[in-house]
């Protein structure tokens, strides 16, 4: 499996936290969950860290079965729409955004 993450390194602009989170939930999650081939969508918010820097205002994590599925999703109409809709969210954010693709192994927890 592969996981493509969008790292929002920085901070949500002061006083914009609720609007930022609401905008994601109401406008972007409905698009992200429609990416072709996506098996799971998670929106992560940093609560604490053992280092002060970097800080991540948000991390978007989308799981796919293959690299090919990622390429299809990136070329899709719904992804193009999400890029356009993301502009208003990014205006509420001070920092940089970058994407990384991880290969991922999953292990079952012991049952005893």
PDB file of N, CA and C in Angstrom:
ATOM      1  N   UNK A   1       0.849  -1.174   0.000  1.00  0.00           N
ATOM      2  CA  UNK A   1       0.000   0.000   0.000  1.00  0.00           C
ATOM      3  C   UNK A   1       0.887   1.227   0.000  1.00  0.00           C
ATOM      4  N   UNK A   2       0.310   2.341  -0.431  1.00  0.00           N
ATOM      5  CA  UNK A   2       1.025   3.605  -0.489  1.00  0.00           C
ATOM      6  C   UNK A   2       0.171   4.685   0.148  1.00  0.00           C
ATOM      7  N   UNK A   3       0.833   5.611   0.820  1.00  0.00           N
ATOM      8  CA  UNK A   3       0.135   6.711   1.474  1.00  0.00           C
ATOM      9  C   UNK A   3       0.738   8.012   0.973  1.00  0.00           C
ATOM     10  N   UNK A   4      -0.114   8.848   0.427  1.00  0.00           N
ATOM     11  CA  UNK A   4       0.329  10.170  -0.034  1.00  0.00           C
ATOM     12  C   UNK A   4      -0.115  11.186   1.003  1.00  0.00           C
ATOM     13  N   UNK A   5       0.847  11.954   1.495  1.00  0.00           N
ATOM     14  CA  UNK A   5       0.569  12.943   2.536  1.00  0.00           C
ATOM     15  C   UNK A   5       0.839  14.343   2.018  1.00  0.00           C
ATOM     16  N   UNK A   6      -0.013  15.257   2.425  1.00  0.00           N
ATOM     17  CA  UNK A   6       0.220  16.683   2.229  1.00  0.00           C
ATOM     18  C   UNK A   6       0.558  17.245   3.605  1.00  0.00           C
ATOM     19  N   UNK A   7       1.775  17.744   3.758  1.00  0.00           N
ATOM     20  CA  UNK A   7       2.233  18.310   5.016  1.00  0.00           C
ATOM     21  C   UNK A   7       2.072  19.821   4.972  1.00  0.00           C
ATOM     22  N   UNK A   8       1.313  20.356   5.898  1.00  0.00           N
ATOM     23  CA  UNK A   8       1.140  21.793   6.041  1.00  0.00           C
ATOM     24  C   UNK A   8       2.073  22.230   7.167  1.00  0.00           C
ATOM     25  N   UNK A   9       3.291  22.590   6.793  1.00  0.00           N
ATOM     26  CA  UNK A   9       4.305  22.967   7.770  1.00  0.00           C
ATOM     27  C   UNK A   9       4.166  24.451   8.067  1.00  0.00           C
ATOM     28  N   UNK A  10       3.814  24.746   9.308  1.00  0.00           N
ATOM     29  CA  UNK A  10       3.578  26.122   9.720  1.00  0.00           C
ATOM     30  C   UNK A  10       2.375  26.196  10.629  1.00  0.00           C
ATOM     31  N   UNK A  11       1.749  27.338  10.644  1.00  0.00           N
ATOM     32  CA  UNK A  11       0.633  27.590  11.563  1.00  0.00           C
ATOM     33  C   UNK A  11      -0.579  28.127  10.822  1.00  0.00           C
ATOM     34  N   UNK A  12      -1.745  27.769  11.307  1.00  0.00           N
ATOM     35  CA  UNK A  12      -2.967  28.430  10.862  1.00  0.00           C
ATOM     36  C   UNK A  12      -2.894  29.863  11.386  1.00  0.00           C
ATOM     37  N   UNK A  13      -3.300  30.821  10.572  1.00  0.00           N
ATOM     38  CA  UNK A  13      -3.245  32.223  10.984  1.00  0.00           C
ATOM     39  C   UNK A  13      -4.041  32.421  12.273  1.00  0.00           C
ATOM     40  N   UNK A  14      -3.524  33.235  13.195  1.00  0.00           N
ATOM     41  CA  UNK A  14      -4.214  33.463  14.473  1.00  0.00           C
ATOM     42  C   UNK A  14      -5.666  33.887  14.268  1.00  0.00           C
ATOM     43  N   UNK A  15      -6.545  33.266  15.041  1.00  0.00           N
ATOM     44  CA  UNK A  15      -7.966  33.562  14.974  1.00  0.00           C
ATOM     45  C   UNK A  15      -8.703  32.858  13.854  1.00  0.00           C
ATOM     46  N   UNK A  16      -7.977  32.120  13.000  1.00  0.00           N
ATOM     47  CA  UNK A  16      -8.588  31.446  11.851  1.00  0.00           C
ATOM     48  C   UNK A  16      -8.746  29.933  12.066  1.00  0.00           C
ATOM     49  N   UNK A  17      -8.368  29.431  13.231  1.00  0.00           N
ATOM     50  CA  UNK A  17      -8.355  27.985  13.465  1.00  0.00           C
ATOM     51  C   UNK A  17      -9.719  27.333  13.219  1.00  0.00           C
ATOM     52  N   UNK A  18     -10.766  27.884  13.787  1.00  0.00           N
ATOM     53  CA  UNK A  18     -12.102  27.290  13.605  1.00  0.00           C
ATOM     54  C   UNK A  18     -12.543  27.355  12.147  1.00  0.00           C
ATOM     55  N   UNK A  19     -12.330  28.487  11.502  1.00  0.00           N
ATOM     56  CA  UNK A  19     -12.712  28.632  10.097  1.00  0.00           C
ATOM     57  C   UNK A  19     -11.902  27.678   9.218  1.00  0.00           C
ATOM     58  N   UNK A  20     -10.616  27.529   9.506  1.00  0.00           N
ATOM     59  CA  UNK A  20      -9.739  26.622   8.768  1.00  0.00           C
ATOM     60  C   UNK A  20     -10.262  25.183   8.865  1.00  0.00           C
ATOM     61  N   UNK A  21     -10.522  24.737  10.087  1.00  0.00           N
ATOM     62  CA  UNK A  21     -11.000  23.367  10.296  1.00  0.00           C
ATOM     63  C   UNK A  21     -12.381  23.145   9.691  1.00  0.00           C
ATOM     64  N   UNK A  22     -13.270  24.125   9.830  1.00  0.00           N
ATOM     65  CA  UNK A  22     -14.608  24.021   9.257  1.00  0.00           C
ATOM     66  C   UNK A  22     -14.538  23.977   7.721  1.00  0.00           C
ATOM     67  N   UNK A  23     -13.677  24.797   7.144  1.00  0.00           N
ATOM     68  CA  UNK A  23     -13.531  24.820   5.686  1.00  0.00           C
ATOM     69  C   UNK A  23     -13.054  23.460   5.170  1.00  0.00           C
ATOM     70  N   UNK A  24     -12.105  22.882   5.864  1.00  0.00           N
ATOM     71  CA  UNK A  24     -11.614  21.547   5.480  1.00  0.00           C
ATOM     72  C   UNK A  24     -12.755  20.541   5.538  1.00  0.00           C
ATOM     73  N   UNK A  25     -13.435  20.502   6.667  1.00  0.00           N
ATOM     74  CA  UNK A  25     -14.503  19.515   6.889  1.00  0.00           C
ATOM     75  C   UNK A  25     -15.650  19.687   5.887  1.00  0.00           C
ATOM     76  N   UNK A  26     -16.053  20.926   5.630  1.00  0.00           N
ATOM     77  CA  UNK A  26     -17.231  21.166   4.797  1.00  0.00           C
ATOM     78  C   UNK A  26     -16.936  21.205   3.304  1.00  0.00           C
ATOM     79  N   UNK A  27     -15.748  21.644   2.915  1.00  0.00           N
ATOM     80  CA  UNK A  27     -15.468  21.867   1.504  1.00  0.00           C
ATOM     81  C   UNK A  27     -14.454  20.905   0.888  1.00  0.00           C
ATOM     82  N   UNK A  28     -13.490  20.466   1.666  1.00  0.00           N
ATOM     83  CA  UNK A  28     -12.422  19.648   1.095  1.00  0.00           C
ATOM     84  C   UNK A  28     -12.570  18.157   1.361  1.00  0.00           C
ATOM     85  N   UNK A  29     -12.977  17.787   2.561  1.00  0.00           N
ATOM     86  CA  UNK A  29     -13.151  16.355   2.842  1.00  0.00           C
ATOM     87  C   UNK A  29     -14.125  15.711   1.848  1.00  0.00           C
ATOM     88  N   UNK A  30     -15.245  16.362   1.499  1.00  0.00           N
ATOM     89  CA  UNK A  30     -16.131  15.738   0.501  1.00  0.00           C
ATOM     90  C   UNK A  30     -15.451  15.498  -0.850  1.00  0.00           C
ATOM     91  N   UNK A  31     -14.471  16.307  -1.191  1.00  0.00           N
ATOM     92  CA  UNK A  31     -13.726  16.093  -2.437  1.00  0.00           C
ATOM     93  C   UNK A  31     -12.648  15.025  -2.245  1.00  0.00           C
ATOM     94  N   UNK A  32     -11.864  15.143  -1.187  1.00  0.00           N
ATOM     95  CA  UNK A  32     -10.768  14.205  -0.953  1.00  0.00           C
ATOM     96  C   UNK A  32     -11.274  12.768  -0.850  1.00  0.00           C
ATOM     97  N   UNK A  33     -12.429  12.580  -0.268  1.00  0.00           N
ATOM     98  CA  UNK A  33     -12.963  11.217  -0.120  1.00  0.00           C
ATOM     99  C   UNK A  33     -13.502  10.660  -1.434  1.00  0.00           C
ATOM    100  N   UNK A  34     -13.539  11.484  -2.470  1.00  0.00           N
ATOM    101  CA  UNK A  34     -13.983  11.029  -3.795  1.00  0.00           C
ATOM    102  C   UNK A  34     -12.822  10.824  -4.768  1.00  0.00           C
ATOM    103  N   UNK A  35     -11.569  10.969  -4.292  1.00  0.00           N
ATOM    104  CA  UNK A  35     -10.430  10.714  -5.175  1.00  0.00           C
ATOM    105  C   UNK A  35     -10.496   9.265  -5.640  1.00  0.00           C
ATOM    106  N   UNK A  36     -10.383   9.017  -6.938  1.00  0.00           N
ATOM    107  CA  UNK A  36     -10.431   7.634  -7.429  1.00  0.00           C
ATOM    108  C   UNK A  36      -9.319   6.800  -6.795  1.00  0.00           C
ATOM    109  N   UNK A  37      -9.680   5.612  -6.345  1.00  0.00           N
ATOM    110  CA  UNK A  37      -8.700   4.688  -5.784  1.00  0.00           C
ATOM    111  C   UNK A  37      -8.378   4.904  -4.323  1.00  0.00           C
ATOM    112  N   UNK A  38      -8.809   6.029  -3.748  1.00  0.00           N
ATOM    113  CA  UNK A  38      -8.524   6.283  -2.329  1.00  0.00           C
ATOM    114  C   UNK A  38      -9.224   5.242  -1.472  1.00  0.00           C
ATOM    115  N   UNK A  39      -8.487   4.689  -0.521  1.00  0.00           N
ATOM    116  CA  UNK A  39      -9.042   3.679   0.379  1.00  0.00           C
ATOM    117  C   UNK A  39      -9.297   4.229   1.778  1.00  0.00           C
ATOM    118  N   UNK A  40      -8.631   5.320   2.103  1.00  0.00           N
ATOM    119  CA  UNK A  40      -8.783   5.926   3.428  1.00  0.00           C
ATOM    120  C   UNK A  40      -8.275   7.356   3.342  1.00  0.00           C
ATOM    121  N   UNK A  41      -8.996   8.264   3.994  1.00  0.00           N
ATOM    122  CA  UNK A  41      -8.592   9.661   4.069  1.00  0.00           C
ATOM    123  C   UNK A  41      -8.560  10.044   5.542  1.00  0.00           C
ATOM    124  N   UNK A  42      -7.425  10.603   5.965  1.00  0.00           N
ATOM    125  CA  UNK A  42      -7.303  11.086   7.340  1.00  0.00           C
ATOM    126  C   UNK A  42      -6.800  12.514   7.329  1.00  0.00           C
ATOM    127  N   UNK A  43      -7.380  13.329   8.190  1.00  0.00           N
ATOM    128  CA  UNK A  43      -6.915  14.693   8.404  1.00  0.00           C
ATOM    129  C   UNK A  43      -6.322  14.709   9.811  1.00  0.00           C
ATOM    130  N   UNK A  44      -5.015  14.945   9.876  1.00  0.00           N
ATOM    131  CA  UNK A  44      -4.291  14.911  11.146  1.00  0.00           C
ATOM    132  C   UNK A  44      -3.960  16.330  11.582  1.00  0.00           C
ATOM    133  N   UNK A  45      -4.136  16.578  12.876  1.00  0.00           N
ATOM    134  CA  UNK A  45      -3.782  17.878  13.447  1.00  0.00           C
ATOM    135  C   UNK A  45      -2.797  17.639  14.582  1.00  0.00           C
ATOM    136  N   UNK A  46      -1.698  18.353  14.555  1.00  0.00           N
ATOM    137  CA  UNK A  46      -0.655  18.172  15.564  1.00  0.00           C
ATOM    138  C   UNK A  46      -1.144  18.675  16.910  1.00  0.00           C
ATOM    139  N   UNK A  47      -1.087  17.806  17.907  1.00  0.00           N
ATOM    140  CA  UNK A  47      -1.507  18.152  19.258  1.00  0.00           C
ATOM    141  C   UNK A  47      -0.287  18.447  20.125  1.00  0.00           C
ATOM    142  N   UNK A  48       0.749  17.651  19.957  1.00  0.00           N
ATOM    143  CA  UNK A  48       1.988  17.874  20.684  1.00  0.00           C
ATOM    144  C   UNK A  48       3.123  17.241  19.912  1.00  0.00           C
ATOM    145  N   UNK A  49       4.337  17.621  20.278  1.00  0.00           N
ATOM    146  CA  UNK A  49       5.523  17.097  19.623  1.00  0.00           C
ATOM    147  C   UNK A  49       6.681  17.150  20.596  1.00  0.00           C
ATOM    148  N   UNK A  50       7.679  16.306  20.369  1.00  0.00           N
ATOM    149  CA  UNK A  50       8.862  16.352  21.230  1.00  0.00           C
ATOM    150  C   UNK A  50       9.886  17.371  20.736  1.00  0.00           C
ATOM    151  N   UNK A  51       9.557  18.078  19.655  1.00  0.00           N
ATOM    152  CA  UNK A  51      10.398  19.178  19.160  1.00  0.00           C
ATOM    153  C   UNK A  51       9.502  20.383  18.885  1.00  0.00           C
ATOM    154  N   UNK A  52      10.072  21.568  18.972  1.00  0.00           N
ATOM    155  CA  UNK A  52       9.299  22.785  18.705  1.00  0.00           C
ATOM    156  C   UNK A  52       9.139  23.056  17.213  1.00  0.00           C
ATOM    157  N   UNK A  53      10.120  22.596  16.440  1.00  0.00           N
ATOM    158  CA  UNK A  53      10.105  22.866  15.016  1.00  0.00           C
ATOM    159  C   UNK A  53      10.520  21.605  14.276  1.00  0.00           C
ATOM    160  N   UNK A  54       9.844  21.179  13.250  1.00  0.00           N
ATOM    161  CA  UNK A  54       8.758  21.888  12.580  1.00  0.00           C
ATOM    162  C   UNK A  54       7.416  21.645  13.263  1.00  0.00           C
ATOM    163  N   UNK A  55       6.517  22.559  13.021  1.00  0.00           N
ATOM    164  CA  UNK A  55       5.128  22.400  13.454  1.00  0.00           C
ATOM    165  C   UNK A  55       4.285  22.150  12.207  1.00  0.00           C
ATOM    166  N   UNK A  56       3.336  21.232  12.318  1.00  0.00           N
ATOM    167  CA  UNK A  56       2.444  20.941  11.204  1.00  0.00           C
ATOM    168  C   UNK A  56       1.031  21.343  11.594  1.00  0.00           C
ATOM    169  N   UNK A  57       0.504  22.351  10.914  1.00  0.00           N
ATOM    170  CA  UNK A  57      -0.858  22.791  11.162  1.00  0.00           C
ATOM    171  C   UNK A  57      -1.876  21.743  10.750  1.00  0.00           C
ATOM    172  N   UNK A  58      -1.481  20.905   9.788  1.00  0.00           N
ATOM    173  CA  UNK A  58      -2.329  19.810   9.335  1.00  0.00           C
ATOM    174  C   UNK A  58      -1.489  18.866   8.487  1.00  0.00           C
ATOM    175  N   UNK A  59      -1.883  17.606   8.491  1.00  0.00           N
ATOM    176  CA  UNK A  59      -1.345  16.634   7.548  1.00  0.00           C
ATOM    177  C   UNK A  59      -2.547  15.894   6.961  1.00  0.00           C
ATOM    178  N   UNK A  60      -2.620  15.866   5.638  1.00  0.00           N
ATOM    179  CA  UNK A  60      -3.639  15.079   4.940  1.00  0.00           C
ATOM    180  C   UNK A  60      -2.981  13.773   4.530  1.00  0.00           C
ATOM    181  N   UNK A  61      -3.595  12.658   4.881  1.00  0.00           N
ATOM    182  CA  UNK A  61      -3.066  11.337   4.562  1.00  0.00           C
ATOM    183  C   UNK A  61      -4.121  10.571   3.767  1.00  0.00           C
ATOM    184  N   UNK A  62      -3.735  10.109   2.566  1.00  0.00           N
ATOM    185  CA  UNK A  62      -4.666   9.350   1.722  1.00  0.00           C
ATOM    186  C   UNK A  62      -3.984   8.033   1.353  1.00  0.00           C
ATOM    187  N   UNK A  63      -4.658   6.933   1.665  1.00  0.00           N
ATOM    188  CA  UNK A  63      -4.102   5.602   1.386  1.00  0.00           C
ATOM    189  C   UNK A  63      -4.613   5.091   0.051  1.00  0.00           C
ATOM    190  N   UNK A  64      -3.686   4.514  -0.728  1.00  0.00           N
ATOM    191  CA  UNK A  64      -3.984   3.951  -2.048  1.00  0.00           C
ATOM    192  C   UNK A  64      -3.395   2.544  -2.146  1.00  0.00           C
ATOM    193  N   UNK A  65      -3.956   1.704  -3.004  1.00  0.00           N
ATOM    194  CA  UNK A  65      -3.437   0.339  -3.145  1.00  0.00           C
ATOM    195  C   UNK A  65      -2.153   0.258  -3.978  1.00  0.00           C
ATOM    196  N   UNK A  66      -1.886   1.292  -4.805  1.00  0.00           N
ATOM    197  CA  UNK A  66      -0.736   1.208  -5.707  1.00  0.00           C
ATOM    198  C   UNK A  66      -0.288   2.608  -6.121  1.00  0.00           C
ATOM    199  N   UNK A  67       0.908   2.688  -6.682  1.00  0.00           N
ATOM    200  CA  UNK A  67       1.403   3.956  -7.231  1.00  0.00           C
ATOM    201  C   UNK A  67       0.545   4.367  -8.423  1.00  0.00           C
ATOM    202  N   UNK A  68       0.097   3.392  -9.193  1.00  0.00           N
ATOM    203  CA  UNK A  68      -0.765   3.684 -10.346  1.00  0.00           C
ATOM    204  C   UNK A  68      -2.066   4.350  -9.897  1.00  0.00           C
ATOM    205  N   UNK A  69      -2.615   3.887  -8.778  1.00  0.00           N
ATOM    206  CA  UNK A  69      -3.844   4.487  -8.253  1.00  0.00           C
ATOM    207  C   UNK A  69      -3.608   5.947  -7.868  1.00  0.00           C
ATOM    208  N   UNK A  70      -2.432   6.248  -7.340  1.00  0.00           N
ATOM    209  CA  UNK A  70      -2.097   7.631  -6.995  1.00  0.00           C
ATOM    210  C   UNK A  70      -2.051   8.486  -8.256  1.00  0.00           C
ATOM    211  N   UNK A  71      -1.414   7.973  -9.295  1.00  0.00           N
ATOM    212  CA  UNK A  71      -1.308   8.727 -10.546  1.00  0.00           C
ATOM    213  C   UNK A  71      -2.694   9.011 -11.137  1.00  0.00           C
ATOM    214  N   UNK A  72      -3.581   8.033 -11.061  1.00  0.00           N
ATOM    215  CA  UNK A  72      -4.949   8.226 -11.558  1.00  0.00           C
ATOM    216  C   UNK A  72      -5.658   9.300 -10.733  1.00  0.00           C
ATOM    217  N   UNK A  73      -5.502   9.239  -9.415  1.00  0.00           N
ATOM    218  CA  UNK A  73      -6.138  10.227  -8.548  1.00  0.00           C
ATOM    219  C   UNK A  73      -5.604  11.630  -8.829  1.00  0.00           C
ATOM    220  N   UNK A  74      -4.289  11.744  -9.022  1.00  0.00           N
ATOM    221  CA  UNK A  74      -3.692  13.063  -9.253  1.00  0.00           C
ATOM    222  C   UNK A  74      -4.139  13.685 -10.577  1.00  0.00           C
ATOM    223  N   UNK A  75      -4.500  12.847 -11.526  1.00  0.00           N
ATOM    224  CA  UNK A  75      -4.944  13.333 -12.835  1.00  0.00           C
ATOM    225  C   UNK A  75      -6.460  13.521 -12.911  1.00  0.00           C
ATOM    226  N   UNK A  76      -7.164  13.213 -11.839  1.00  0.00           N
ATOM    227  CA  UNK A  76      -8.625  13.201 -11.875  1.00  0.00           C
ATOM    228  C   UNK A  76      -9.223  14.606 -11.803  1.00  0.00           C
ATOM    229  N   UNK A  77     -10.436  14.694 -12.306  1.00  0.00           N
ATOM    230  CA  UNK A  77     -11.185  15.947 -12.273  1.00  0.00           C
ATOM    231  C   UNK A  77     -11.456  16.399 -10.844  1.00  0.00           C
ATOM    232  N   UNK A  78     -11.767  15.466  -9.945  1.00  0.00           N
ATOM    233  CA  UNK A  78     -12.073  15.833  -8.563  1.00  0.00           C
ATOM    234  C   UNK A  78     -10.831  16.380  -7.868  1.00  0.00           C
ATOM    235  N   UNK A  79      -9.658  15.872  -8.213  1.00  0.00           N
ATOM    236  CA  UNK A  79      -8.421  16.418  -7.635  1.00  0.00           C
ATOM    237  C   UNK A  79      -8.181  17.837  -8.154  1.00  0.00           C
ATOM    238  N   UNK A  80      -8.447  18.082  -9.439  1.00  0.00           N
ATOM    239  CA  UNK A  80      -8.281  19.435  -9.981  1.00  0.00           C
ATOM    240  C   UNK A  80      -9.217  20.412  -9.268  1.00  0.00           C
ATOM    241  N   UNK A  81     -10.435  19.958  -9.013  1.00  0.00           N
ATOM    242  CA  UNK A  81     -11.392  20.806  -8.276  1.00  0.00           C
ATOM    243  C   UNK A  81     -10.882  21.063  -6.858  1.00  0.00           C
ATOM    244  N   UNK A  82     -10.324  20.040  -6.212  1.00  0.00           N
ATOM    245  CA  UNK A  82      -9.840  20.218  -4.839  1.00  0.00           C
ATOM    246  C   UNK A  82      -8.678  21.210  -4.791  1.00  0.00           C
ATOM    247  N   UNK A  83      -7.846  21.225  -5.827  1.00  0.00           N
ATOM    248  CA  UNK A  83      -6.752  22.202  -5.872  1.00  0.00           C
ATOM    249  C   UNK A  83      -7.309  23.618  -5.913  1.00  0.00           C
ATOM    250  N   UNK A  84      -8.368  23.814  -6.675  1.00  0.00           N
ATOM    251  CA  UNK A  84      -8.997  25.134  -6.766  1.00  0.00           C
ATOM    252  C   UNK A  84      -9.650  25.514  -5.431  1.00  0.00           C
ATOM    253  N   UNK A  85     -10.395  24.588  -4.849  1.00  0.00           N
ATOM    254  CA  UNK A  85     -11.087  24.847  -3.586  1.00  0.00           C
ATOM    255  C   UNK A  85     -10.082  25.057  -2.448  1.00  0.00           C
ATOM    256  N   UNK A  86      -8.909  24.439  -2.541  1.00  0.00           N
ATOM    257  CA  UNK A  86      -7.884  24.560  -1.493  1.00  0.00           C
ATOM    258  C   UNK A  86      -7.326  25.965  -1.361  1.00  0.00           C
ATOM    259  N   UNK A  87      -7.447  26.773  -2.387  1.00  0.00           N
ATOM    260  CA  UNK A  87      -6.859  28.119  -2.352  1.00  0.00           C
ATOM    261  C   UNK A  87      -7.388  28.947  -1.179  1.00  0.00           C
ATOM    262  N   UNK A  88      -8.673  28.852  -0.883  1.00  0.00           N
ATOM    263  CA  UNK A  88      -9.235  29.614   0.236  1.00  0.00           C
ATOM    264  C   UNK A  88      -8.719  29.085   1.574  1.00  0.00           C
ATOM    265  N   UNK A  89      -8.504  27.779   1.676  1.00  0.00           N
ATOM    266  CA  UNK A  89      -7.954  27.212   2.901  1.00  0.00           C
ATOM    267  C   UNK A  89      -6.505  27.653   3.080  1.00  0.00           C
ATOM    268  N   UNK A  90      -5.730  27.618   2.020  1.00  0.00           N
ATOM    269  CA  UNK A  90      -4.314  27.986   2.094  1.00  0.00           C
ATOM    270  C   UNK A  90      -4.151  29.455   2.456  1.00  0.00           C
ATOM    271  N   UNK A  91      -5.133  30.283   2.097  1.00  0.00           N
ATOM    272  CA  UNK A  91      -5.092  31.700   2.470  1.00  0.00           C
ATOM    273  C   UNK A  91      -5.185  31.888   3.985  1.00  0.00           C
ATOM    274  N   UNK A  92      -5.688  30.880   4.698  1.00  0.00           N
ATOM    275  CA  UNK A  92      -5.798  30.943   6.158  1.00  0.00           C
ATOM    276  C   UNK A  92      -4.568  30.360   6.852  1.00  0.00           C
ATOM    277  N   UNK A  93      -3.537  30.028   6.082  1.00  0.00           N
ATOM    278  CA  UNK A  93      -2.387  29.300   6.603  1.00  0.00           C
ATOM    279  C   UNK A  93      -1.090  30.060   6.320  1.00  0.00           C
ATOM    280  N   UNK A  94      -0.220  30.119   7.327  1.00  0.00           N
ATOM    281  CA  UNK A  94       1.115  30.697   7.163  1.00  0.00           C
ATOM    282  C   UNK A  94       2.130  29.559   7.196  1.00  0.00           C
ATOM    283  N   UNK A  95       2.719  29.274   6.066  1.00  0.00           N
ATOM    284  CA  UNK A  95       3.718  28.216   6.018  1.00  0.00           C
ATOM    285  C   UNK A  95       3.844  27.669   4.618  1.00  0.00           C
ATOM    286  N   UNK A  96       4.372  26.459   4.535  1.00  0.00           N
ATOM    287  CA  UNK A  96       4.565  25.798   3.255  1.00  0.00           C
ATOM    288  C   UNK A  96       3.794  24.487   3.240  1.00  0.00           C
ATOM    289  N   UNK A  97       3.469  24.051   2.036  1.00  0.00           N
ATOM    290  CA  UNK A  97       2.765  22.784   1.850  1.00  0.00           C
ATOM    291  C   UNK A  97       3.598  21.946   0.890  1.00  0.00           C
ATOM    292  N   UNK A  98       3.840  20.690   1.275  1.00  0.00           N
ATOM    293  CA  UNK A  98       4.549  19.777   0.382  1.00  0.00           C
ATOM    294  C   UNK A  98       3.936  18.393   0.499  1.00  0.00           C
ATOM    295  N   UNK A  99       4.170  17.585  -0.519  1.00  0.00           N
ATOM    296  CA  UNK A  99       3.586  16.245  -0.591  1.00  0.00           C
ATOM    297  C   UNK A  99       4.682  15.188  -0.584  1.00  0.00           C
ATOM    298  N   UNK A 100       4.390  14.069   0.052  1.00  0.00           N
ATOM    299  CA  UNK A 100       5.307  12.933   0.116  1.00  0.00           C
ATOM    300  C   UNK A 100       4.505  11.661  -0.055  1.00  0.00           C
ATOM    301  N   UNK A 101       5.053  10.707  -0.798  1.00  0.00           N
ATOM    302  CA  UNK A 101       4.431   9.393  -0.934  1.00  0.00           C
ATOM    303  C   UNK A 101       5.270   8.395  -0.147  1.00  0.00           C
ATOM    304  N   UNK A 102       4.607   7.641   0.720  1.00  0.00           N
ATOM    305  CA  UNK A 102       5.247   6.610   1.524  1.00  0.00           C
ATOM    306  C   UNK A 102       4.781   5.237   1.061  1.00  0.00           C
ATOM    307  N   UNK A 103       5.683   4.273   1.029  1.00  0.00           N
ATOM    308  CA  UNK A 103       5.225   2.886   0.954  1.00  0.00           C
ATOM    309  C   UNK A 103       4.937   2.493   2.399  1.00  0.00           C
ATOM    310  N   UNK A 104       3.950   1.660   2.607  1.00  0.00           N
ATOM    311  CA  UNK A 104       3.545   1.328   3.970  1.00  0.00           C
ATOM    312  C   UNK A 104       3.291  -0.165   4.108  1.00  0.00           C
ATOM    313  N   UNK A 105       3.789  -0.706   5.191  1.00  0.00           N
ATOM    314  CA  UNK A 105       3.493  -2.091   5.570  1.00  0.00           C
ATOM    315  C   UNK A 105       2.557  -2.028   6.777  1.00  0.00           C
ATOM    316  N   UNK A 106       1.599  -2.925   6.795  1.00  0.00           N
ATOM    317  CA  UNK A 106       0.643  -2.950   7.894  1.00  0.00           C
ATOM    318  C   UNK A 106       0.787  -4.275   8.610  1.00  0.00           C
ATOM    319  N   UNK A 107       0.780  -4.220   9.953  1.00  0.00           N
ATOM    320  CA  UNK A 107       0.966  -5.421  10.761  1.00  0.00           C
ATOM    321  C   UNK A 107      -0.199  -5.558  11.743  1.00  0.00           C
ATOM    322  N   UNK A 108      -0.741  -6.743  11.825  1.00  0.00           N
ATOM    323  CA  UNK A 108      -1.833  -7.014  12.758  1.00  0.00           C
ATOM    324  C   UNK A 108      -1.276  -7.013  14.186  1.00  0.00           C
ATOM    325  N   UNK A 109      -2.076  -6.511  15.102  1.00  0.00           N
ATOM    326  CA  UNK A 109      -1.691  -6.531  16.506  1.00  0.00           C
ATOM    327  C   UNK A 109      -1.924  -7.925  17.077  1.00  0.00           C
ATOM    328  N   UNK A 110      -1.139  -8.313  18.061  1.00  0.00           N
ATOM    329  CA  UNK A 110      -1.357  -9.636  18.667  1.00  0.00           C
ATOM    330  C   UNK A 110      -2.727  -9.704  19.331  1.00  0.00           C
ATOM    331  N   UNK A 111      -3.304 -10.862  19.326  1.00  0.00           N
ATOM    332  CA  UNK A 111      -4.651 -11.038  19.894  1.00  0.00           C
ATOM    333  C   UNK A 111      -4.624 -11.666  21.290  1.00  0.00           C
ATOM    334  N   UNK A 112      -3.462 -11.969  21.812  1.00  0.00           N
ATOM    335  CA  UNK A 112      -3.393 -12.618  23.141  1.00  0.00           C
ATOM    336  C   UNK A 112      -3.335 -11.633  24.258  1.00  0.00           C
TER     337      UNK A 112
END
